[in-house]
């Protein structure tokens, strides 16, 4: 079962301001669903998105 978190929890999890999350939603960088007028995010989708953003340096090490 997926774990839905709200924008406050997501901001805390990513150590970002809520406004950054709203900006990313508007820019299509992250996805969420609105339930009763409140944004919710699937924690698995966020973790997958974070993994996709990992970069490696020229020697193949993660940075």
N, C-alpha and C. Protein backbone atom coordinates (compact mmCIF):
# COMPACT_ATOMS: atom_id res chain seq x y z
N UNK A 1 0.84 -1.18 0.00
CA UNK A 1 0.00 0.00 0.00
C UNK A 1 0.89 1.25 0.00
N UNK A 2 0.53 2.20 -0.82
CA UNK A 2 1.35 3.40 -0.92
C UNK A 2 1.11 4.33 0.28
N UNK A 3 2.11 5.10 0.57
CA UNK A 3 2.05 6.03 1.69
C UNK A 3 1.93 7.43 1.11
N UNK A 4 0.77 8.04 1.28
CA UNK A 4 0.58 9.41 0.82
C UNK A 4 0.99 10.37 1.93
N UNK A 5 1.75 11.40 1.53
CA UNK A 5 2.17 12.41 2.49
C UNK A 5 1.68 13.77 1.99
N UNK A 6 1.50 14.69 2.92
CA UNK A 6 1.05 16.02 2.52
C UNK A 6 2.25 16.93 2.24
N UNK A 7 1.97 18.15 1.85
CA UNK A 7 3.05 19.05 1.44
C UNK A 7 3.98 19.41 2.60
N UNK A 8 3.44 19.49 3.80
CA UNK A 8 4.30 19.77 4.96
C UNK A 8 5.29 18.63 5.19
N UNK A 9 4.78 17.40 5.10
CA UNK A 9 5.64 16.23 5.29
C UNK A 9 6.69 16.13 4.18
N UNK A 10 6.28 16.44 2.95
CA UNK A 10 7.22 16.38 1.84
C UNK A 10 8.30 17.45 1.98
N UNK A 11 7.91 18.65 2.35
CA UNK A 11 8.90 19.72 2.55
C UNK A 11 9.89 19.33 3.65
N UNK A 12 9.40 18.75 4.71
CA UNK A 12 10.29 18.31 5.79
C UNK A 12 11.20 17.17 5.32
N UNK A 13 10.63 16.22 4.59
CA UNK A 13 11.39 15.07 4.09
C UNK A 13 12.53 15.52 3.17
N UNK A 14 12.24 16.50 2.28
CA UNK A 14 13.24 16.97 1.33
C UNK A 14 14.07 18.14 1.86
N UNK A 15 13.71 18.61 3.06
CA UNK A 15 14.40 19.76 3.67
C UNK A 15 14.32 20.98 2.76
N UNK A 16 13.10 21.25 2.27
CA UNK A 16 12.84 22.38 1.38
C UNK A 16 11.68 23.19 1.91
N UNK A 17 11.55 24.40 1.40
CA UNK A 17 10.39 25.22 1.73
C UNK A 17 9.18 24.73 0.92
N UNK A 18 8.00 24.93 1.50
CA UNK A 18 6.78 24.52 0.80
C UNK A 18 6.65 25.23 -0.54
N UNK A 19 7.09 26.47 -0.62
CA UNK A 19 6.98 27.22 -1.88
C UNK A 19 7.77 26.53 -3.00
N UNK A 20 8.90 25.94 -2.65
CA UNK A 20 9.68 25.20 -3.65
C UNK A 20 8.87 24.02 -4.18
N UNK A 21 8.18 23.33 -3.29
CA UNK A 21 7.34 22.20 -3.71
C UNK A 21 6.24 22.68 -4.65
N UNK A 22 5.57 23.78 -4.29
CA UNK A 22 4.53 24.35 -5.15
C UNK A 22 5.11 24.74 -6.51
N UNK A 23 6.29 25.35 -6.51
CA UNK A 23 6.93 25.73 -7.78
C UNK A 23 7.20 24.50 -8.63
N UNK A 24 7.73 23.44 -8.02
CA UNK A 24 8.02 22.21 -8.75
C UNK A 24 6.73 21.58 -9.31
N UNK A 25 5.65 21.66 -8.55
CA UNK A 25 4.37 21.16 -9.05
C UNK A 25 3.94 21.93 -10.29
N UNK A 26 4.03 23.25 -10.23
CA UNK A 26 3.64 24.10 -11.36
C UNK A 26 4.54 23.89 -12.57
N UNK A 27 5.80 23.58 -12.34
CA UNK A 27 6.76 23.35 -13.42
C UNK A 27 6.72 21.92 -13.94
N UNK A 28 5.96 21.06 -13.28
CA UNK A 28 5.86 19.66 -13.70
C UNK A 28 7.06 18.81 -13.31
N UNK A 29 7.89 19.29 -12.40
CA UNK A 29 9.06 18.53 -11.96
C UNK A 29 8.66 17.35 -11.09
N UNK A 30 7.63 17.53 -10.28
CA UNK A 30 7.11 16.46 -9.44
C UNK A 30 5.62 16.35 -9.67
N UNK A 31 5.06 15.21 -9.32
CA UNK A 31 3.62 15.02 -9.47
C UNK A 31 2.98 14.76 -8.12
N UNK A 32 1.74 15.12 -8.03
CA UNK A 32 0.97 14.90 -6.82
C UNK A 32 -0.50 14.83 -7.19
N UNK A 33 -1.31 14.54 -6.20
CA UNK A 33 -2.76 14.53 -6.42
C UNK A 33 -3.41 15.42 -5.37
N UNK A 34 -4.50 16.03 -5.75
CA UNK A 34 -5.24 16.85 -4.81
C UNK A 34 -6.41 16.04 -4.27
N UNK A 35 -6.45 15.93 -2.97
CA UNK A 35 -7.53 15.23 -2.29
C UNK A 35 -8.19 16.24 -1.37
N UNK A 36 -9.43 16.56 -1.64
CA UNK A 36 -10.14 17.52 -0.80
C UNK A 36 -9.45 18.88 -0.74
N UNK A 37 -8.83 19.28 -1.85
CA UNK A 37 -8.16 20.57 -1.91
C UNK A 37 -6.77 20.59 -1.29
N UNK A 38 -6.27 19.43 -0.87
CA UNK A 38 -4.95 19.33 -0.25
C UNK A 38 -4.06 18.46 -1.13
N UNK A 39 -2.86 18.96 -1.44
CA UNK A 39 -1.92 18.17 -2.22
C UNK A 39 -1.42 16.98 -1.41
N UNK A 40 -1.35 15.82 -2.09
CA UNK A 40 -0.80 14.60 -1.50
C UNK A 40 0.22 14.03 -2.48
N UNK A 41 1.22 13.36 -1.93
CA UNK A 41 2.30 12.82 -2.73
C UNK A 41 2.56 11.39 -2.31
N UNK A 42 2.79 10.53 -3.30
CA UNK A 42 3.10 9.14 -3.03
C UNK A 42 4.60 9.07 -2.70
N UNK A 43 4.91 8.62 -1.52
CA UNK A 43 6.30 8.57 -1.06
C UNK A 43 7.17 7.73 -2.00
N UNK A 44 6.61 6.64 -2.54
CA UNK A 44 7.38 5.80 -3.47
C UNK A 44 7.73 6.56 -4.74
N UNK A 45 6.78 7.36 -5.25
CA UNK A 45 7.05 8.16 -6.45
C UNK A 45 8.13 9.20 -6.19
N UNK A 46 8.09 9.81 -5.02
CA UNK A 46 9.10 10.81 -4.66
C UNK A 46 10.47 10.15 -4.54
N UNK A 47 10.54 8.99 -3.89
CA UNK A 47 11.81 8.28 -3.76
C UNK A 47 12.35 7.86 -5.13
N UNK A 48 11.48 7.42 -6.01
CA UNK A 48 11.88 7.04 -7.36
C UNK A 48 12.41 8.26 -8.12
N UNK A 49 11.72 9.38 -7.98
CA UNK A 49 12.15 10.63 -8.63
C UNK A 49 13.52 11.04 -8.11
N UNK A 50 13.73 10.93 -6.80
CA UNK A 50 15.03 11.28 -6.22
C UNK A 50 16.14 10.39 -6.78
N UNK A 51 15.88 9.08 -6.88
CA UNK A 51 16.88 8.16 -7.43
C UNK A 51 17.22 8.52 -8.87
N UNK A 52 16.23 8.98 -9.62
CA UNK A 52 16.47 9.33 -11.03
C UNK A 52 17.34 10.58 -11.15
N UNK A 53 17.44 11.36 -10.09
CA UNK A 53 18.22 12.60 -10.11
C UNK A 53 19.66 12.40 -9.67
N UNK A 54 20.03 11.17 -9.27
CA UNK A 54 21.41 10.91 -8.85
C UNK A 54 22.34 11.14 -10.03
N UNK A 55 23.48 11.70 -9.73
CA UNK A 55 24.50 11.94 -10.75
C UNK A 55 25.76 11.17 -10.39
N UNK A 56 26.53 10.85 -11.39
CA UNK A 56 27.84 10.23 -11.14
C UNK A 56 28.91 11.12 -11.75
N UNK A 57 30.08 11.06 -11.15
CA UNK A 57 31.19 11.83 -11.72
C UNK A 57 31.84 11.00 -12.82
N UNK A 58 32.88 11.52 -13.45
CA UNK A 58 33.48 10.84 -14.61
C UNK A 58 34.11 9.50 -14.28
N UNK A 59 34.44 9.26 -13.01
CA UNK A 59 35.01 7.97 -12.63
C UNK A 59 33.94 6.95 -12.26
N UNK A 60 32.66 7.35 -12.36
CA UNK A 60 31.57 6.44 -12.07
C UNK A 60 31.10 6.44 -10.64
N UNK A 61 31.70 7.28 -9.80
CA UNK A 61 31.29 7.36 -8.40
C UNK A 61 30.09 8.29 -8.27
N UNK A 62 29.20 7.95 -7.34
CA UNK A 62 28.05 8.83 -7.09
C UNK A 62 28.53 10.09 -6.39
N UNK A 63 27.93 11.22 -6.80
CA UNK A 63 28.26 12.50 -6.15
C UNK A 63 27.03 13.09 -5.53
